[in-house]
N, C-alpha and C. Protein backbone atom coordinates (compact mmCIF):
# COMPACT_ATOMS: atom_id res chain seq x y z
N MET A 1 52.70 35.74 28.77
CA MET A 1 53.71 36.83 28.97
C MET A 1 54.80 36.30 29.83
N ASP A 2 56.01 36.61 29.50
CA ASP A 2 57.22 36.17 30.31
C ASP A 2 58.03 37.36 30.70
N PRO A 3 57.71 38.01 31.84
CA PRO A 3 58.37 39.25 32.21
C PRO A 3 59.83 39.13 32.41
N LEU A 4 60.31 37.94 32.79
CA LEU A 4 61.67 37.69 33.11
C LEU A 4 62.46 37.19 31.83
N GLY A 5 61.73 36.87 30.81
CA GLY A 5 62.35 36.32 29.64
C GLY A 5 62.94 34.87 29.86
N GLN A 6 62.32 34.12 30.80
CA GLN A 6 62.85 32.86 31.14
C GLN A 6 62.14 31.68 30.47
N ALA A 7 61.01 31.90 29.80
CA ALA A 7 60.30 30.78 29.30
C ALA A 7 61.09 30.03 28.22
N THR A 8 61.97 30.74 27.56
CA THR A 8 62.80 30.05 26.52
C THR A 8 63.94 29.29 27.16
N LYS A 9 64.15 29.38 28.41
CA LYS A 9 65.26 28.67 29.05
C LYS A 9 64.80 27.62 30.05
N ASN A 10 63.61 27.07 29.75
CA ASN A 10 63.18 25.94 30.67
C ASN A 10 63.78 24.67 30.08
N PRO A 11 63.87 23.62 30.88
CA PRO A 11 64.52 22.39 30.40
C PRO A 11 63.96 21.84 29.13
N TYR A 12 62.61 21.72 29.01
CA TYR A 12 62.03 21.18 27.80
C TYR A 12 62.31 21.99 26.57
N THR A 13 62.17 23.28 26.67
CA THR A 13 62.42 24.17 25.52
C THR A 13 63.85 24.09 25.12
N LEU A 14 64.81 24.07 26.04
CA LEU A 14 66.19 23.95 25.71
C LEU A 14 66.46 22.56 24.98
N ALA A 15 65.85 21.54 25.47
CA ALA A 15 65.98 20.20 24.89
C ALA A 15 65.46 20.25 23.44
N GLU A 16 64.29 20.88 23.20
CA GLU A 16 63.72 21.07 21.89
C GLU A 16 64.67 21.77 20.97
N ARG A 17 65.22 22.86 21.51
CA ARG A 17 66.20 23.63 20.68
C ARG A 17 67.36 22.87 20.31
N LEU A 18 67.96 22.11 21.23
CA LEU A 18 69.12 21.30 20.96
C LEU A 18 68.74 20.21 19.92
N LEU A 19 67.59 19.63 20.04
CA LEU A 19 67.15 18.61 19.07
C LEU A 19 67.06 19.24 17.69
N SER A 20 66.52 20.41 17.61
CA SER A 20 66.40 21.15 16.29
C SER A 20 67.77 21.50 15.68
N VAL A 21 68.68 21.95 16.48
CA VAL A 21 70.06 22.29 16.03
C VAL A 21 70.74 21.07 15.41
N ILE A 22 70.63 19.92 16.08
CA ILE A 22 71.25 18.72 15.60
C ILE A 22 70.54 18.22 14.39
N THR A 23 69.19 18.25 14.35
CA THR A 23 68.47 17.80 13.16
C THR A 23 68.81 18.63 12.03
N ASP A 24 68.93 19.93 12.13
CA ASP A 24 69.32 20.81 11.00
C ASP A 24 70.64 20.47 10.45
N ALA A 25 71.62 20.15 11.34
CA ALA A 25 72.93 19.85 10.92
C ALA A 25 72.97 18.52 10.20
N LEU A 26 72.31 17.53 10.70
CA LEU A 26 72.31 16.22 10.08
C LEU A 26 71.57 16.22 8.67
N ASN A 27 70.58 17.15 8.58
CA ASN A 27 69.92 17.25 7.28
C ASN A 27 70.55 18.23 6.27
N ASN A 28 71.77 18.63 6.58
CA ASN A 28 72.40 19.65 5.71
C ASN A 28 73.41 18.96 4.75
N ASN A 29 73.08 17.72 4.35
CA ASN A 29 73.85 17.01 3.31
C ASN A 29 75.34 16.98 3.58
N VAL A 30 75.67 16.65 4.80
CA VAL A 30 77.09 16.49 5.22
C VAL A 30 77.60 15.17 4.64
N PRO A 31 78.81 15.23 4.05
CA PRO A 31 79.43 14.01 3.46
C PRO A 31 79.56 12.91 4.65
N HIS A 32 79.38 11.64 4.27
CA HIS A 32 79.56 10.59 5.26
C HIS A 32 78.70 10.64 6.42
N CYS A 33 77.47 11.15 6.15
CA CYS A 33 76.53 11.36 7.31
C CYS A 33 75.14 11.14 6.75
N ARG A 34 74.25 10.50 7.52
CA ARG A 34 72.90 10.30 7.13
C ARG A 34 71.97 11.46 7.56
N PRO A 35 70.87 11.66 6.91
CA PRO A 35 69.91 12.70 7.42
C PRO A 35 69.47 12.28 8.81
N ALA A 36 68.90 13.25 9.54
CA ALA A 36 68.42 12.98 10.92
C ALA A 36 67.36 11.87 10.82
N PRO A 37 67.36 11.01 11.80
CA PRO A 37 66.26 9.97 11.81
C PRO A 37 64.93 10.62 11.89
N GLU A 38 63.92 9.96 11.24
CA GLU A 38 62.56 10.46 11.28
C GLU A 38 62.02 10.39 12.72
N ARG A 39 62.48 9.42 13.44
CA ARG A 39 62.02 9.18 14.84
C ARG A 39 62.94 10.07 15.68
N ARG A 40 62.51 11.23 16.08
CA ARG A 40 63.33 12.15 16.92
C ARG A 40 62.33 12.86 17.82
N TYR A 41 62.79 12.96 19.10
CA TYR A 41 61.86 13.57 20.08
C TYR A 41 62.62 13.95 21.39
N VAL A 42 61.91 14.77 22.17
CA VAL A 42 62.47 15.04 23.55
C VAL A 42 61.89 13.94 24.43
N ALA A 43 62.75 13.16 25.03
CA ALA A 43 62.35 12.05 25.82
C ALA A 43 62.35 12.43 27.33
N HIS A 44 61.62 11.71 28.13
CA HIS A 44 61.64 11.87 29.57
C HIS A 44 62.51 10.66 30.08
N GLY A 45 63.78 10.88 30.28
CA GLY A 45 64.64 9.87 30.62
C GLY A 45 65.29 9.16 29.49
N THR A 46 66.19 8.21 29.79
CA THR A 46 66.97 7.53 28.84
C THR A 46 66.03 6.75 27.88
N PRO A 47 66.19 6.93 26.54
CA PRO A 47 65.36 6.24 25.61
C PRO A 47 65.71 4.74 25.51
N VAL A 48 64.70 3.94 25.08
CA VAL A 48 64.90 2.56 24.83
C VAL A 48 65.81 2.42 23.60
N LEU A 49 66.74 1.59 23.63
CA LEU A 49 67.65 1.38 22.43
C LEU A 49 67.26 0.08 21.85
N ASP A 50 66.88 0.12 20.64
CA ASP A 50 66.56 -1.11 19.83
C ASP A 50 66.93 -0.77 18.42
N CYS A 51 66.64 -1.66 17.54
CA CYS A 51 67.04 -1.42 16.13
C CYS A 51 66.13 -0.37 15.53
N LEU A 52 66.31 0.92 15.99
CA LEU A 52 65.60 2.04 15.46
C LEU A 52 66.59 3.15 15.13
N ASP A 53 66.33 3.80 14.03
CA ASP A 53 67.05 4.98 13.75
C ASP A 53 66.43 6.05 14.61
N GLN A 54 67.11 6.62 15.56
CA GLN A 54 66.43 7.53 16.53
C GLN A 54 67.40 8.58 17.04
N LEU A 55 66.84 9.74 17.26
CA LEU A 55 67.61 10.90 17.88
C LEU A 55 66.74 11.41 18.95
N THR A 56 67.28 11.39 20.20
CA THR A 56 66.52 11.92 21.37
C THR A 56 67.40 12.91 22.17
N VAL A 57 66.74 13.75 22.84
CA VAL A 57 67.42 14.61 23.87
C VAL A 57 66.59 14.43 25.08
N HIS A 58 67.20 14.23 26.24
CA HIS A 58 66.45 14.15 27.56
C HIS A 58 67.20 14.90 28.66
N ALA A 59 66.45 15.46 29.55
CA ALA A 59 67.04 16.12 30.70
C ALA A 59 67.42 15.10 31.72
N GLY A 60 68.58 15.28 32.23
CA GLY A 60 69.03 14.49 33.44
C GLY A 60 68.83 15.23 34.66
N SER A 61 69.82 15.59 35.39
CA SER A 61 69.73 16.26 36.63
C SER A 61 69.43 17.73 36.37
N ILE A 62 68.66 18.37 37.23
CA ILE A 62 68.42 19.79 37.28
C ILE A 62 68.85 20.19 38.67
N TYR A 63 69.76 21.17 38.76
CA TYR A 63 70.37 21.51 40.05
C TYR A 63 70.89 22.95 40.11
N VAL A 64 71.27 23.39 41.27
CA VAL A 64 71.89 24.68 41.47
C VAL A 64 73.43 24.44 41.31
N SER A 65 74.02 25.33 40.50
CA SER A 65 75.39 25.19 40.17
C SER A 65 76.26 25.21 41.42
N SER A 66 77.26 24.37 41.43
CA SER A 66 78.19 24.22 42.57
C SER A 66 79.43 25.12 42.40
N THR A 67 79.36 25.98 41.37
CA THR A 67 80.48 26.84 41.08
C THR A 67 80.52 28.11 41.91
N PHE A 68 79.53 28.34 42.69
CA PHE A 68 79.46 29.57 43.50
C PHE A 68 80.34 29.40 44.76
N GLY A 69 80.91 30.54 45.12
CA GLY A 69 81.70 30.52 46.36
C GLY A 69 80.83 30.46 47.55
N ALA A 70 81.34 30.10 48.64
CA ALA A 70 80.55 30.03 49.92
C ALA A 70 81.37 30.77 51.02
N ASP A 71 80.59 31.36 51.93
CA ASP A 71 81.31 32.06 52.98
C ASP A 71 81.79 30.98 54.05
N SER A 72 82.47 31.41 55.12
CA SER A 72 83.01 30.48 56.09
C SER A 72 81.97 29.54 56.70
N GLY A 73 80.71 29.98 56.68
CA GLY A 73 79.68 29.13 57.28
C GLY A 73 79.03 28.14 56.21
N GLY A 74 79.58 28.18 54.96
CA GLY A 74 79.07 27.33 53.94
C GLY A 74 77.88 27.81 53.14
N ALA A 75 77.42 29.10 53.44
CA ALA A 75 76.31 29.60 52.68
C ALA A 75 76.75 30.05 51.31
N ILE A 76 75.95 29.78 50.34
CA ILE A 76 76.31 30.15 48.95
C ILE A 76 76.19 31.67 48.82
N GLN A 77 77.16 32.23 48.17
CA GLN A 77 77.33 33.67 47.93
C GLN A 77 76.97 33.98 46.50
N GLY A 78 76.30 35.03 46.21
CA GLY A 78 75.97 35.47 44.89
C GLY A 78 74.69 34.86 44.39
N PRO A 79 74.29 35.23 43.17
CA PRO A 79 73.04 34.72 42.64
C PRO A 79 73.16 33.27 42.29
N LYS A 80 72.04 32.55 42.46
CA LYS A 80 71.95 31.15 42.10
C LYS A 80 71.88 30.98 40.63
N MET A 81 72.58 30.02 40.09
CA MET A 81 72.41 29.62 38.65
C MET A 81 71.84 28.19 38.67
N PHE A 82 70.73 28.03 37.98
CA PHE A 82 70.12 26.76 37.87
C PHE A 82 70.61 26.11 36.56
N MET A 83 70.98 24.78 36.64
CA MET A 83 71.59 24.10 35.57
C MET A 83 70.77 22.89 35.16
N VAL A 84 70.89 22.40 33.93
CA VAL A 84 70.32 21.15 33.48
C VAL A 84 71.31 20.47 32.63
N ASP A 85 71.32 19.07 32.84
CA ASP A 85 72.13 18.21 31.94
C ASP A 85 71.24 17.69 30.88
N LEU A 86 71.60 17.96 29.64
CA LEU A 86 70.82 17.53 28.46
C LEU A 86 71.63 16.46 27.72
N THR A 87 71.09 15.24 27.71
CA THR A 87 71.79 14.16 27.04
C THR A 87 71.22 13.83 25.67
N VAL A 88 72.08 13.78 24.65
CA VAL A 88 71.75 13.50 23.31
C VAL A 88 72.07 12.07 23.05
N THR A 89 71.18 11.34 22.50
CA THR A 89 71.40 9.92 22.11
C THR A 89 70.99 9.73 20.64
N LEU A 90 71.90 9.30 19.80
CA LEU A 90 71.72 9.10 18.42
C LEU A 90 72.02 7.64 18.06
N THR A 91 71.05 6.91 17.58
CA THR A 91 71.27 5.47 17.23
C THR A 91 70.72 5.16 15.83
N HIS A 92 71.33 4.15 15.24
CA HIS A 92 70.98 3.61 13.95
C HIS A 92 71.06 2.13 14.03
N CYS A 93 70.26 1.40 13.21
CA CYS A 93 70.36 -0.03 13.10
C CYS A 93 71.77 -0.32 12.64
N HIS A 94 72.31 -1.39 13.15
CA HIS A 94 73.74 -1.76 12.90
C HIS A 94 73.82 -3.20 12.62
N PRO A 95 74.62 -3.56 11.57
CA PRO A 95 74.77 -4.95 11.26
C PRO A 95 75.39 -5.77 12.47
N THR A 96 74.86 -6.93 12.66
CA THR A 96 75.30 -7.70 13.86
C THR A 96 76.64 -8.42 13.69
N GLY A 97 77.09 -8.59 12.42
CA GLY A 97 78.33 -9.29 12.15
C GLY A 97 78.21 -10.69 11.69
N VAL A 98 77.03 -11.25 11.83
CA VAL A 98 76.81 -12.65 11.33
C VAL A 98 75.53 -12.69 10.48
N VAL A 99 75.52 -13.63 9.52
CA VAL A 99 74.32 -13.87 8.71
C VAL A 99 74.05 -15.36 8.82
N GLN A 100 72.78 -15.63 9.01
CA GLN A 100 72.35 -17.09 9.09
C GLN A 100 71.48 -17.36 7.96
N GLN A 101 71.94 -18.36 7.12
CA GLN A 101 71.07 -18.88 6.01
C GLN A 101 70.92 -20.33 6.23
N GLY A 102 69.67 -20.68 6.61
CA GLY A 102 69.40 -22.07 7.02
C GLY A 102 70.26 -22.50 8.23
N THR A 103 71.04 -23.52 8.05
CA THR A 103 71.85 -23.93 9.21
C THR A 103 73.29 -23.36 9.11
N LYS A 104 73.55 -22.62 8.07
CA LYS A 104 74.87 -22.02 7.93
C LYS A 104 75.00 -20.62 8.49
N ILE A 105 75.93 -20.37 9.30
CA ILE A 105 76.20 -19.03 9.91
C ILE A 105 77.51 -18.56 9.36
N SER A 106 77.49 -17.34 8.82
CA SER A 106 78.78 -16.80 8.28
C SER A 106 78.92 -15.30 8.69
N ALA A 107 80.08 -14.88 8.61
CA ALA A 107 80.39 -13.44 8.94
C ALA A 107 79.94 -12.51 7.87
N ILE A 108 79.40 -11.35 8.23
CA ILE A 108 78.99 -10.30 7.35
C ILE A 108 80.30 -9.78 6.70
N GLY A 109 80.26 -9.42 5.46
CA GLY A 109 81.44 -8.86 4.78
C GLY A 109 81.91 -7.61 5.53
N THR A 110 83.26 -7.42 5.55
CA THR A 110 83.84 -6.24 6.21
C THR A 110 83.41 -4.94 5.48
N ASP A 111 83.08 -5.04 4.23
CA ASP A 111 82.66 -3.82 3.49
C ASP A 111 81.32 -3.27 4.07
N ILE A 112 80.47 -4.17 4.52
CA ILE A 112 79.20 -3.73 5.14
C ILE A 112 79.52 -3.12 6.50
N LEU A 113 80.38 -3.75 7.32
CA LEU A 113 80.72 -3.25 8.59
C LEU A 113 81.49 -1.90 8.52
N LEU A 114 82.36 -1.79 7.49
CA LEU A 114 83.10 -0.49 7.32
C LEU A 114 82.16 0.61 6.93
N GLU A 115 81.22 0.37 6.06
CA GLU A 115 80.28 1.41 5.63
C GLU A 115 79.39 1.84 6.81
N ALA A 116 78.93 0.89 7.66
CA ALA A 116 78.14 1.25 8.84
C ALA A 116 78.95 2.08 9.78
N ALA A 117 80.23 1.69 9.98
CA ALA A 117 81.04 2.45 10.94
C ALA A 117 81.31 3.84 10.42
N GLU A 118 81.62 3.98 9.12
CA GLU A 118 81.83 5.31 8.59
C GLU A 118 80.66 6.20 8.76
N LEU A 119 79.46 5.71 8.51
CA LEU A 119 78.24 6.52 8.70
C LEU A 119 78.01 6.86 10.16
N LEU A 120 78.26 5.90 11.10
CA LEU A 120 78.14 6.21 12.50
C LEU A 120 79.08 7.30 12.93
N TYR A 121 80.32 7.18 12.50
CA TYR A 121 81.23 8.22 12.84
C TYR A 121 80.88 9.61 12.33
N GLY A 122 80.39 9.66 11.12
CA GLY A 122 80.00 10.88 10.50
C GLY A 122 78.75 11.45 11.18
N ASP A 123 77.78 10.65 11.56
CA ASP A 123 76.62 11.02 12.19
C ASP A 123 76.93 11.64 13.61
N GLY A 124 77.78 10.89 14.40
CA GLY A 124 78.12 11.30 15.74
C GLY A 124 78.90 12.59 15.71
N TRP A 125 79.87 12.71 14.84
CA TRP A 125 80.72 13.91 14.81
C TRP A 125 79.86 15.14 14.41
N THR A 126 78.98 15.00 13.40
CA THR A 126 78.15 16.09 12.95
C THR A 126 77.24 16.51 14.06
N ALA A 127 76.59 15.60 14.81
CA ALA A 127 75.67 16.00 15.93
C ALA A 127 76.46 16.64 17.03
N TYR A 128 77.63 16.14 17.36
CA TYR A 128 78.43 16.72 18.46
C TYR A 128 78.88 18.11 18.10
N PHE A 129 79.39 18.28 16.91
CA PHE A 129 79.90 19.60 16.46
C PHE A 129 78.74 20.62 16.44
N ALA A 130 77.58 20.23 15.94
CA ALA A 130 76.47 21.09 15.89
C ALA A 130 76.04 21.52 17.29
N ALA A 131 75.96 20.55 18.21
CA ALA A 131 75.61 20.88 19.56
C ALA A 131 76.51 21.83 20.28
N VAL A 132 77.86 21.62 20.03
CA VAL A 132 78.77 22.46 20.81
C VAL A 132 78.92 23.80 20.17
N ASN A 133 78.94 23.86 18.82
CA ASN A 133 79.26 25.09 18.08
C ASN A 133 77.95 25.88 17.58
N GLY A 134 76.85 25.16 17.45
CA GLY A 134 75.74 25.78 16.82
C GLY A 134 74.57 26.15 17.76
N TRP A 135 74.72 25.73 19.04
CA TRP A 135 73.66 25.91 19.97
C TRP A 135 73.85 27.20 20.76
N LYS A 136 73.43 28.25 20.14
CA LYS A 136 73.69 29.61 20.76
C LYS A 136 72.40 30.45 20.97
N ASN A 137 71.41 30.15 20.18
CA ASN A 137 70.22 31.01 20.22
C ASN A 137 69.07 30.25 20.88
N CYS A 138 68.54 30.83 21.99
CA CYS A 138 67.43 30.22 22.69
C CYS A 138 66.28 31.18 22.64
N GLY A 139 65.60 31.26 21.49
CA GLY A 139 64.50 32.07 21.31
C GLY A 139 64.86 33.57 21.51
N GLY A 140 65.95 33.98 21.00
CA GLY A 140 66.36 35.42 21.12
C GLY A 140 67.34 35.64 22.21
N GLN A 141 67.59 34.62 23.13
CA GLN A 141 68.54 34.81 24.14
C GLN A 141 69.72 33.85 23.85
N THR A 142 70.78 34.09 24.51
CA THR A 142 71.98 33.20 24.36
C THR A 142 71.75 32.01 25.28
N CYS A 143 72.01 30.82 24.67
CA CYS A 143 72.08 29.64 25.54
C CYS A 143 73.40 29.52 26.14
N GLU A 144 73.38 29.38 27.54
CA GLU A 144 74.65 29.34 28.27
C GLU A 144 75.08 27.90 28.40
N LEU A 145 76.06 27.51 27.56
CA LEU A 145 76.67 26.17 27.63
C LEU A 145 77.79 26.18 28.64
N HIS A 146 77.69 25.38 29.65
CA HIS A 146 78.69 25.36 30.69
C HIS A 146 79.75 24.25 30.56
N SER A 147 79.28 23.08 30.12
CA SER A 147 80.24 22.01 29.88
C SER A 147 79.63 21.03 28.91
N VAL A 148 80.46 20.12 28.39
CA VAL A 148 80.04 19.09 27.44
C VAL A 148 80.87 17.91 27.77
N THR A 149 80.29 16.66 27.81
CA THR A 149 81.00 15.50 27.99
C THR A 149 81.65 15.01 26.62
N PRO A 150 82.59 14.12 26.72
CA PRO A 150 83.11 13.56 25.42
C PRO A 150 81.96 12.90 24.66
N LEU A 151 82.17 12.77 23.32
CA LEU A 151 81.20 12.01 22.52
C LEU A 151 81.59 10.58 22.67
N SER A 152 80.63 9.79 23.25
CA SER A 152 80.93 8.36 23.64
C SER A 152 80.13 7.40 22.79
N PRO A 153 80.79 6.33 22.28
CA PRO A 153 80.09 5.37 21.50
C PRO A 153 79.13 4.53 22.31
N LEU A 154 78.00 4.16 21.65
CA LEU A 154 77.09 3.16 22.25
C LEU A 154 77.32 1.92 21.44
N ASP A 155 77.90 0.92 22.09
CA ASP A 155 78.26 -0.29 21.32
C ASP A 155 77.04 -0.98 20.81
N PRO A 156 77.12 -1.69 19.72
CA PRO A 156 75.96 -2.36 19.19
C PRO A 156 75.32 -3.23 20.22
N GLU A 157 74.00 -2.99 20.40
CA GLU A 157 73.21 -3.74 21.32
C GLU A 157 71.76 -3.67 20.85
N GLY A 158 71.10 -4.86 20.83
CA GLY A 158 69.72 -4.90 20.35
C GLY A 158 69.61 -4.49 18.91
N GLY A 159 70.69 -4.64 18.13
CA GLY A 159 70.67 -4.30 16.74
C GLY A 159 70.90 -2.84 16.46
N ALA A 160 71.22 -2.02 17.53
CA ALA A 160 71.47 -0.61 17.28
C ALA A 160 72.85 -0.28 17.84
N ALA A 161 73.45 0.83 17.26
CA ALA A 161 74.70 1.38 17.71
C ALA A 161 74.56 2.89 17.54
N GLY A 162 75.41 3.58 18.22
CA GLY A 162 75.33 5.05 18.02
C GLY A 162 76.30 5.82 18.96
N TRP A 163 75.83 6.95 19.37
CA TRP A 163 76.61 7.90 20.17
C TRP A 163 75.77 8.55 21.26
N GLN A 164 76.47 9.04 22.28
CA GLN A 164 75.76 9.75 23.38
C GLN A 164 76.74 10.77 23.93
N PHE A 165 76.15 11.97 24.29
CA PHE A 165 76.95 13.03 25.01
C PHE A 165 76.01 13.82 25.77
N THR A 166 76.56 14.57 26.71
CA THR A 166 75.62 15.44 27.67
C THR A 166 76.24 16.85 27.63
N LEU A 167 75.34 17.80 27.46
CA LEU A 167 75.71 19.25 27.63
C LEU A 167 75.08 19.72 28.90
N THR A 168 75.72 20.59 29.60
CA THR A 168 75.21 21.23 30.83
C THR A 168 74.99 22.70 30.42
N ALA A 169 73.75 23.10 30.64
CA ALA A 169 73.37 24.44 30.31
C ALA A 169 72.60 25.15 31.44
N GLU A 170 72.71 26.48 31.47
CA GLU A 170 71.95 27.32 32.44
C GLU A 170 70.49 27.34 32.05
N ILE A 171 69.64 27.27 33.02
CA ILE A 171 68.21 27.41 32.78
C ILE A 171 67.62 28.57 33.59
N GLY A 172 66.47 29.06 33.20
CA GLY A 172 65.87 30.09 33.92
C GLY A 172 65.05 29.66 35.06
N GLN A 173 64.52 30.55 35.82
CA GLN A 173 63.65 30.18 36.93
C GLN A 173 62.29 29.92 36.40
N PRO A 174 61.57 28.94 37.01
CA PRO A 174 60.26 28.56 36.50
C PRO A 174 59.20 29.63 36.60
N ARG A 175 59.35 30.59 37.50
CA ARG A 175 58.40 31.71 37.58
C ARG A 175 59.16 32.90 38.19
N LYS A 176 58.45 33.94 38.49
CA LYS A 176 59.04 35.13 39.03
C LYS A 176 59.85 34.83 40.24
N ALA A 177 61.04 35.46 40.33
CA ALA A 177 61.91 35.19 41.47
C ALA A 177 61.18 35.52 42.83
N LEU A 178 61.41 34.62 43.75
CA LEU A 178 60.78 34.81 45.04
C LEU A 178 61.55 35.78 45.90
């Protein structure tokens, strides 16, 4: 039983909800976009990036909002709002740009690189758009989205490339208010 209705606004549940919203969007047959990676989960901390098609959401900082006014003594005025930073990381295997056949090394064709780039752009934009515009329902309550960082590319590394962004959302109290 959750008398305050806060269970649906804990960091893990919000991360699960965000992961679900993005997964649904990616699986909605969007042009120039791949389906959501089969490897998707709520992570504890930054995920390892390797040549894996992977979608993760992890909580960063959890804190009291600094947007509240303070009196002349510096004391926070008004009710406290607890916040969580939820970071989305979406990666796919990415061509490295070179092919080695025996002792010969040659560049990968630009058609392969262009196709990979087009899919990465589609995946990133779809995930970002879904997160910002589609993340409104937290188990019957409204998810309070307070800010979102720009969609930032993850340069090819370890055979993977992708995107990352962070949303800041309000979370509930872990138990009855003291």
